[in-house]
C-alpha atoms as a PDB file:
ATOM      1  CA  MET A   1      -9.520  22.117  39.893  1.00  0.00           C
ATOM      2  CA  ASN A   2      -7.800  20.781  36.812  1.00  0.00           C
ATOM      3  CA  THR A   3      -7.673  23.646  34.329  1.00  0.00           C
ATOM      4  CA  GLY A   4      -4.453  22.869  32.450  1.00  0.00           C
ATOM      5  CA  ALA A   5      -3.871  21.373  29.037  1.00  0.00           C
ATOM      6  CA  ASP A   6      -4.399  17.919  30.524  1.00  0.00           C
ATOM      7  CA  ALA A   7      -7.915  18.724  31.711  1.00  0.00           C
ATOM      8  CA  PRO A   8     -10.480  16.075  30.717  1.00  0.00           C
ATOM      9  CA  VAL A   9     -12.496  16.793  27.616  1.00  0.00           C
ATOM     10  CA  ALA A  10     -16.114  17.281  28.599  1.00  0.00           C
ATOM     11  CA  ALA A  11     -18.738  15.691  26.394  1.00  0.00           C
ATOM     12  CA  PRO A  12     -22.487  15.428  26.739  1.00  0.00           C
ATOM     13  CA  ILE A  13     -24.034  12.063  27.480  1.00  0.00           C
ATOM     14  CA  ARG A  14     -24.857  10.639  24.081  1.00  0.00           C
ATOM     15  CA  SER A  15     -27.727   8.328  23.270  1.00  0.00           C
ATOM     16  CA  PHE A  16     -28.212   7.021  19.757  1.00  0.00           C
ATOM     17  CA  THR A  17     -31.486   6.881  17.919  1.00  0.00           C
ATOM     18  CA  SER A  18     -33.244   3.627  17.176  1.00  0.00           C
ATOM     19  CA  ALA A  19     -32.688   4.359  13.475  1.00  0.00           C
ATOM     20  CA  PHE A  20     -28.944   4.557  14.057  1.00  0.00           C
ATOM     21  CA  GLN A  21     -29.014   1.336  16.065  1.00  0.00           C
ATOM     22  CA  ARG A  22     -30.746  -0.443  13.182  1.00  0.00           C
ATOM     23  CA  GLU A  23     -28.146   0.889  10.751  1.00  0.00           C
ATOM     24  CA  LEU A  24     -25.374  -0.270  13.060  1.00  0.00           C
ATOM     25  CA  GLU A  25     -26.856  -3.772  13.060  1.00  0.00           C
ATOM     26  CA  GLU A  26     -26.932  -3.608   9.262  1.00  0.00           C
ATOM     27  CA  LEU A  27     -23.284  -2.553   9.227  1.00  0.00           C
ATOM     28  CA  PHE A  28     -22.373  -5.557  11.367  1.00  0.00           C
ATOM     29  CA  ALA A  29     -24.299  -7.828   9.011  1.00  0.00           C
ATOM     30  CA  TRP A  30     -22.708  -6.346   5.873  1.00  0.00           C
ATOM     31  CA  ARG A  31     -19.190  -6.662   7.282  1.00  0.00           C
ATOM     32  CA  ARG A  32     -17.929  -9.534   5.203  1.00  0.00           C
ATOM     33  CA  ASP A  33     -14.495 -10.990   4.545  1.00  0.00           C
ATOM     34  CA  VAL A  34     -14.077  -9.962   0.904  1.00  0.00           C
ATOM     35  CA  ARG A  35     -11.939 -12.030  -1.443  1.00  0.00           C
ATOM     36  CA  ARG A  36     -13.365 -10.905  -4.781  1.00  0.00           C
ATOM     37  CA  PHE A  37     -12.259  -7.373  -5.592  1.00  0.00           C
ATOM     38  CA  LEU A  38     -12.484  -5.017  -8.522  1.00  0.00           C
ATOM     39  CA  THR A  39      -9.111  -3.574  -9.496  1.00  0.00           C
ATOM     40  CA  ASP A  40     -10.509  -0.021  -9.463  1.00  0.00           C
ATOM     41  CA  PRO A  41      -8.497   2.311  -7.203  1.00  0.00           C
ATOM     42  CA  VAL A  42      -9.685   3.430  -3.771  1.00  0.00           C
ATOM     43  CA  SER A  43      -9.288   7.160  -3.202  1.00  0.00           C
ATOM     44  CA  GLU A  44      -6.622   8.289  -0.769  1.00  0.00           C
ATOM     45  CA  GLN A  45      -9.321  10.146   1.150  1.00  0.00           C
ATOM     46  CA  ASP A  46     -11.173   6.867   1.738  1.00  0.00           C
ATOM     47  CA  VAL A  47      -7.960   5.058   2.689  1.00  0.00           C
ATOM     48  CA  GLN A  48      -7.106   7.732   5.245  1.00  0.00           C
ATOM     49  CA  SER A  49     -10.649   7.630   6.617  1.00  0.00           C
ATOM     50  CA  ILE A  50     -10.332   3.861   7.130  1.00  0.00           C
ATOM     51  CA  LEU A  51      -6.916   4.171   8.747  1.00  0.00           C
ATOM     52  CA  SER A  52      -8.090   6.933  11.068  1.00  0.00           C
ATOM     53  CA  ALA A  53     -10.599   4.524  12.633  1.00  0.00           C
ATOM     54  CA  VAL A  54      -7.633   2.985  14.441  1.00  0.00           C
ATOM     55  CA  GLU A  55      -7.147   6.155  16.481  1.00  0.00           C
ATOM     56  CA  THR A  56     -10.147   5.408  18.711  1.00  0.00           C
ATOM     57  CA  ALA A  57      -9.555   1.669  19.061  1.00  0.00           C
ATOM     58  CA  PRO A  58      -9.150   0.345  22.613  1.00  0.00           C
ATOM     59  CA  SER A  59      -5.636  -0.645  23.632  1.00  0.00           C
ATOM     60  CA  VAL A  60      -4.296  -2.184  26.820  1.00  0.00           C
ATOM     61  CA  GLY A  61      -2.632   0.448  28.994  1.00  0.00           C
ATOM     62  CA  LEU A  62      -3.108   2.980  26.182  1.00  0.00           C
ATOM     63  CA  SER A  63      -0.161   1.262  24.524  1.00  0.00           C
ATOM     64  CA  GLU A  64      -1.447   1.676  20.943  1.00  0.00           C
ATOM     65  CA  PRO A  65       0.750  -1.250  19.811  1.00  0.00           C
ATOM     66  CA  TRP A  66      -0.468  -1.331  16.213  1.00  0.00           C
ATOM     67  CA  ARG A  67       2.030  -0.726  13.418  1.00  0.00           C
ATOM     68  CA  ILE A  68       0.654  -0.556   9.874  1.00  0.00           C
ATOM     69  CA  VAL A  69       2.712  -1.106   6.735  1.00  0.00           C
ATOM     70  CA  ARG A  70       1.229  -0.027   3.403  1.00  0.00           C
ATOM     71  CA  VAL A  71       2.612  -2.533   0.928  1.00  0.00           C
ATOM     72  CA  GLU A  72       2.929  -0.735  -2.404  1.00  0.00           C
ATOM     73  CA  SER A  73       6.072  -2.281  -3.868  1.00  0.00           C
ATOM     74  CA  ASN A  74       5.212  -4.786  -6.606  1.00  0.00           C
ATOM     75  CA  ALA A  75       8.159  -6.944  -5.573  1.00  0.00           C
ATOM     76  CA  LYS A  76       7.020  -7.087  -1.945  1.00  0.00           C
ATOM     77  CA  ARG A  77       3.436  -7.831  -2.986  1.00  0.00           C
ATOM     78  CA  GLU A  78       4.679 -10.667  -5.163  1.00  0.00           C
ATOM     79  CA  ALA A  79       6.658 -12.017  -2.203  1.00  0.00           C
ATOM     80  CA  VAL A  80       3.468 -12.064  -0.128  1.00  0.00           C
ATOM     81  CA  ILE A  81       1.491 -13.683  -2.956  1.00  0.00           C
ATOM     82  CA  SER A  82       4.171 -16.375  -3.324  1.00  0.00           C
ATOM     83  CA  ASN A  83       4.025 -16.882   0.452  1.00  0.00           C
ATOM     84  CA  PHE A  84       0.248 -17.336   0.269  1.00  0.00           C
ATOM     85  CA  GLU A  85       0.407 -19.750  -2.659  1.00  0.00           C
ATOM     86  CA  HIS A  86       2.978 -21.921  -0.873  1.00  0.00           C
ATOM     87  CA  ALA A  87       1.038 -21.916   2.417  1.00  0.00           C
ATOM     88  CA  ASN A  88      -2.220 -22.588   0.601  1.00  0.00           C
ATOM     89  CA  ALA A  89      -0.746 -25.579  -1.220  1.00  0.00           C
ATOM     90  CA  GLU A  90       0.451 -26.971   2.108  1.00  0.00           C
ATOM     91  CA  ALA A  91      -3.008 -26.433   3.624  1.00  0.00           C
ATOM     92  CA  LEU A  92      -4.644 -28.193   0.686  1.00  0.00           C
ATOM     93  CA  ALA A  93      -2.363 -31.182   1.206  1.00  0.00           C
ATOM     94  CA  THR A  94      -3.652 -31.588   4.757  1.00  0.00           C
ATOM     95  CA  GLN A  95      -7.300 -31.879   3.685  1.00  0.00           C
ATOM     96  CA  ASP A  96      -8.861 -35.296   3.580  1.00  0.00           C
ATOM     97  CA  GLU A  97     -10.073 -36.697   0.287  1.00  0.00           C
ATOM     98  CA  ASP A  98     -13.693 -35.687   0.885  1.00  0.00           C
ATOM     99  CA  ARG A  99     -12.864 -31.999   1.428  1.00  0.00           C
ATOM    100  CA  ALA A 100      -9.794 -31.458  -0.755  1.00  0.00           C
ATOM    101  CA  ALA A 101     -11.769 -30.696  -3.915  1.00  0.00           C
ATOM    102  CA  LEU A 102     -14.018 -28.253  -2.056  1.00  0.00           C
ATOM    103  CA  TYR A 103     -10.995 -26.562  -0.472  1.00  0.00           C
ATOM    104  CA  ALA A 104      -9.320 -26.214  -3.864  1.00  0.00           C
ATOM    105  CA  SER A 105     -12.435 -24.517  -5.249  1.00  0.00           C
ATOM    106  CA  LEU A 106     -12.470 -21.794  -2.567  1.00  0.00           C
ATOM    107  CA  LYS A 107     -11.171 -18.330  -3.333  1.00  0.00           C
ATOM    108  CA  LEU A 108      -9.195 -17.562  -0.200  1.00  0.00           C
ATOM    109  CA  SER A 109      -7.553 -14.249  -1.010  1.00  0.00           C
ATOM    110  CA  GLY A 110      -7.865 -11.185  -3.190  1.00  0.00           C
ATOM    111  CA  LEU A 111      -4.150 -10.461  -3.132  1.00  0.00           C
ATOM    112  CA  ARG A 112      -3.798 -10.075  -6.891  1.00  0.00           C
ATOM    113  CA  GLU A 113      -6.855  -7.903  -7.439  1.00  0.00           C
ATOM    114  CA  ALA A 114      -7.077  -5.665  -4.363  1.00  0.00           C
ATOM    115  CA  PRO A 115      -5.541  -2.231  -4.959  1.00  0.00           C
ATOM    116  CA  ILE A 116      -4.600  -1.703  -1.286  1.00  0.00           C
ATOM    117  CA  HIS A 117      -2.474  -4.039   0.837  1.00  0.00           C
ATOM    118  CA  LEU A 118      -1.965  -3.367   4.547  1.00  0.00           C
ATOM    119  CA  ALA A 119       0.184  -5.459   6.868  1.00  0.00           C
ATOM    120  CA  VAL A 120      -0.797  -4.851  10.492  1.00  0.00           C
ATOM    121  CA  PHE A 121       1.727  -5.708  13.184  1.00  0.00           C
ATOM    122  CA  CYS A 122       1.874  -5.633  16.969  1.00  0.00           C
ATOM    123  CA  ASP A 123       4.911  -3.991  18.557  1.00  0.00           C
ATOM    124  CA  GLU A 124       5.593  -6.461  21.342  1.00  0.00           C
ATOM    125  CA  ALA A 125       8.303  -4.302  22.925  1.00  0.00           C
ATOM    126  CA  GLY A 126       6.804  -0.825  22.737  1.00  0.00           C
ATOM    127  CA  GLU A 127       7.326   1.300  25.848  1.00  0.00           C
ATOM    128  CA  GLN A 128       4.096   3.258  25.493  1.00  0.00           C
ATOM    129  CA  GLY A 129       1.633   2.269  28.216  1.00  0.00           C
ATOM    130  CA  HIS A 130       4.459   1.398  30.646  1.00  0.00           C
ATOM    131  CA  GLY A 131       3.435  -2.267  30.678  1.00  0.00           C
ATOM    132  CA  LEU A 132       0.033  -1.617  32.237  1.00  0.00           C
ATOM    133  CA  GLY A 133      -2.246  -4.646  31.875  1.00  0.00           C
ATOM    134  CA  VAL A 134       0.209  -6.942  30.125  1.00  0.00           C
ATOM    135  CA  ALA A 135       2.205  -8.465  32.979  1.00  0.00           C
ATOM    136  CA  THR A 136      -0.371 -11.222  33.462  1.00  0.00           C
ATOM    137  CA  MET A 137      -1.735 -11.279  29.904  1.00  0.00           C
ATOM    138  CA  PRO A 138       0.931 -10.104  27.438  1.00  0.00           C
ATOM    139  CA  GLU A 139      -1.301 -11.232  24.564  1.00  0.00           C
ATOM    140  CA  MET A 140      -3.510  -8.225  25.313  1.00  0.00           C
ATOM    141  CA  ARG A 141      -1.259  -6.163  23.054  1.00  0.00           C
ATOM    142  CA  ARG A 142      -2.206  -8.415  20.151  1.00  0.00           C
ATOM    143  CA  TYR A 143      -5.866  -8.350  21.110  1.00  0.00           C
ATOM    144  CA  SER A 144      -5.671  -4.553  21.036  1.00  0.00           C
ATOM    145  CA  VAL A 145      -4.405  -4.713  17.457  1.00  0.00           C
ATOM    146  CA  VAL A 146      -7.270  -7.051  16.540  1.00  0.00           C
ATOM    147  CA  CYS A 147      -9.719  -4.484  17.940  1.00  0.00           C
ATOM    148  CA  ALA A 148      -8.081  -1.837  15.751  1.00  0.00           C
ATOM    149  CA  VAL A 149      -8.434  -4.076  12.690  1.00  0.00           C
ATOM    150  CA  MET A 150     -12.124  -4.583  13.434  1.00  0.00           C
ATOM    151  CA  GLN A 151     -12.696  -0.838  13.606  1.00  0.00           C
ATOM    152  CA  MET A 152     -10.981  -0.423  10.240  1.00  0.00           C
ATOM    153  CA  TRP A 153     -13.151  -3.203   8.841  1.00  0.00           C
ATOM    154  CA  LEU A 154     -16.366  -1.495   9.893  1.00  0.00           C
ATOM    155  CA  ALA A 155     -15.130   1.900   8.716  1.00  0.00           C
ATOM    156  CA  ALA A 156     -14.311   0.401   5.321  1.00  0.00           C
ATOM    157  CA  ARG A 157     -17.716  -1.241   5.012  1.00  0.00           C
ATOM    158  CA  ALA A 158     -19.445   2.024   5.932  1.00  0.00           C
ATOM    159  CA  LEU A 159     -17.761   3.554   2.868  1.00  0.00           C
ATOM    160  CA  GLY A 160     -18.681   0.587   0.681  1.00  0.00           C
ATOM    161  CA  VAL A 161     -15.063  -0.579   0.586  1.00  0.00           C
ATOM    162  CA  GLY A 162     -14.414  -4.276   1.100  1.00  0.00           C
ATOM    163  CA  MET A 163     -11.736  -5.758   3.341  1.00  0.00           C
ATOM    164  CA  GLY A 164     -10.262  -9.240   3.286  1.00  0.00           C
ATOM    165  CA  TRP A 165      -8.077 -10.733   6.025  1.00  0.00           C
ATOM    166  CA  VAL A 166      -5.513 -13.178   4.613  1.00  0.00           C
ATOM    167  CA  SER A 167      -4.288 -15.610   7.259  1.00  0.00           C
ATOM    168  CA  ILE A 168      -2.913 -18.384   5.041  1.00  0.00           C
ATOM    169  CA  LEU A 169       0.603 -16.988   5.274  1.00  0.00           C
ATOM    170  CA  ASP A 170       3.880 -17.719   6.992  1.00  0.00           C
ATOM    171  CA  PRO A 171       4.116 -14.652   9.269  1.00  0.00           C
ATOM    172  CA  ASP A 172       7.907 -14.851   9.616  1.00  0.00           C
ATOM    173  CA  ARG A 173       8.313 -14.732   5.844  1.00  0.00           C
ATOM    174  CA  VAL A 174       5.987 -11.731   5.642  1.00  0.00           C
ATOM    175  CA  SER A 175       7.989  -9.911   8.308  1.00  0.00           C
ATOM    176  CA  LYS A 176      11.226 -10.682   6.491  1.00  0.00           C
ATOM    177  CA  ALA A 177       9.832  -9.589   3.121  1.00  0.00           C
ATOM    178  CA  LEU A 178       8.628  -6.289   4.575  1.00  0.00           C
ATOM    179  CA  ASP A 179      11.827  -5.753   6.584  1.00  0.00           C
ATOM    180  CA  VAL A 180      10.142  -4.843   9.866  1.00  0.00           C
ATOM    181  CA  PRO A 181      11.707  -4.869  13.348  1.00  0.00           C
ATOM    182  CA  ALA A 182      12.147  -8.260  14.983  1.00  0.00           C
ATOM    183  CA  GLU A 183       9.866  -7.315  17.878  1.00  0.00           C
ATOM    184  CA  TRP A 184       6.911  -6.743  15.560  1.00  0.00           C
ATOM    185  CA  SER A 185       4.482  -9.674  15.214  1.00  0.00           C
ATOM    186  CA  LEU A 186       2.204  -9.979  12.194  1.00  0.00           C
ATOM    187  CA  ILE A 187      -1.441  -9.856  13.234  1.00  0.00           C
ATOM    188  CA  ALA A 188      -3.269  -9.278   9.942  1.00  0.00           C
ATOM    189  CA  TYR A 189      -2.522  -8.974   6.259  1.00  0.00           C
ATOM    190  CA  LEU A 190      -5.415  -7.008   4.792  1.00  0.00           C
ATOM    191  CA  CYS A 191      -6.673  -6.456   1.258  1.00  0.00           C
ATOM    192  CA  LEU A 192      -8.851  -3.416   0.601  1.00  0.00           C
ATOM    193  CA  GLY A 193     -10.826  -2.559  -2.506  1.00  0.00           C
ATOM    194  CA  TRP A 194     -14.241  -2.282  -4.049  1.00  0.00           C
ATOM    195  CA  PRO A 195     -16.118  -5.608  -3.822  1.00  0.00           C
ATOM    196  CA  GLU A 196     -16.864  -7.407  -7.056  1.00  0.00           C
ATOM    197  CA  GLU A 197     -20.109  -8.560  -5.456  1.00  0.00           C
ATOM    198  CA  ASN A 198     -22.034  -7.957  -2.253  1.00  0.00           C
ATOM    199  CA  HIS A 199     -23.643 -10.666  -0.142  1.00  0.00           C
ATOM    200  CA  LEU A 200     -25.120 -10.694   3.326  1.00  0.00           C
ATOM    201  CA  ASP A 201     -24.179 -14.331   3.808  1.00  0.00           C
ATOM    202  CA  CYS A 202     -20.630 -15.553   4.337  1.00  0.00           C
ATOM    203  CA  GLU A 203     -18.914 -16.890   1.217  1.00  0.00           C
ATOM    204  CA  LEU A 204     -17.752 -20.002   3.069  1.00  0.00           C
ATOM    205  CA  GLU A 205     -21.365 -20.746   4.011  1.00  0.00           C
ATOM    206  CA  ARG A 206     -22.413 -20.227   0.418  1.00  0.00           C
ATOM    207  CA  ALA A 207     -19.710 -22.623  -0.777  1.00  0.00           C
ATOM    208  CA  GLY A 208     -20.786 -25.292   1.705  1.00  0.00           C
ATOM    209  CA  TRP A 209     -17.558 -25.240   3.725  1.00  0.00           C
ATOM    210  CA  GLU A 210     -19.227 -24.712   7.101  1.00  0.00           C
ATOM    211  CA  ASP A 211     -22.566 -23.747   8.650  1.00  0.00           C
ATOM    212  CA  ARG A 212     -22.952 -20.885  11.089  1.00  0.00           C
ATOM    213  CA  GLN A 213     -24.003 -21.976  14.574  1.00  0.00           C
ATOM    214  CA  ARG A 214     -26.622 -20.454  16.827  1.00  0.00           C
ATOM    215  CA  LEU A 215     -25.275 -18.025  19.402  1.00  0.00           C
ATOM    216  CA  LYS A 216     -27.219 -19.719  22.188  1.00  0.00           C
ATOM    217  CA  ASN A 217     -25.021 -22.784  21.682  1.00  0.00           C
ATOM    218  CA  ARG A 218     -21.951 -20.672  22.421  1.00  0.00           C
ATOM    219  CA  ILE A 219     -23.124 -19.114  25.717  1.00  0.00           C
ATOM    220  CA  ILE A 220     -22.786 -20.967  28.993  1.00  0.00           C
ATOM    221  CA  THR A 221     -23.661 -20.039  32.554  1.00  0.00           C
ATOM    222  CA  ARG A 222     -21.641 -20.893  35.619  1.00  0.00           C
END
């Protein structure tokens, strides 16, 4: 019998009420990529609550490869904003004539307004987990970090806090600006703050950039 400190933690079988399930569906629906933020501060209690959601995220081999940098320095934030503006200008230049004006009209980050900036990295060389599950699919470390980001996103939304994921960035420049170890790979640069507005529909749909497709068109059977 295992009675030591490493004994498994017993827990009752848990079933959730139909009311909770409906609220969970609502939470999924309200999880939006926020780009329009108020500049009002987010309490440290709320920030810590959002960050703590990472602790229960799944990770390959229990490697917990996520590394989170809170970017508070104005100089480092400005370096990231400059990075975004440069990358965004390059992306605009690749758009064809029919879509360039629409692209230019999109608000694609809340970097200047959001009070909280988080850079989330994957430690590609971490020893925790002893390499379990990554010999054949090393990208699983990064997928684990993405799962952690999604849990933070839902935790933020449950508090009414908005989160925006900025991907129009040169990741190497971000890593250099934040002076992180070479074996860390940028997975997500996140903006957190109170949303200026709330919508159930995606802003890109509202702007006419793209239409959401039916799930049935994305499922195949073999």
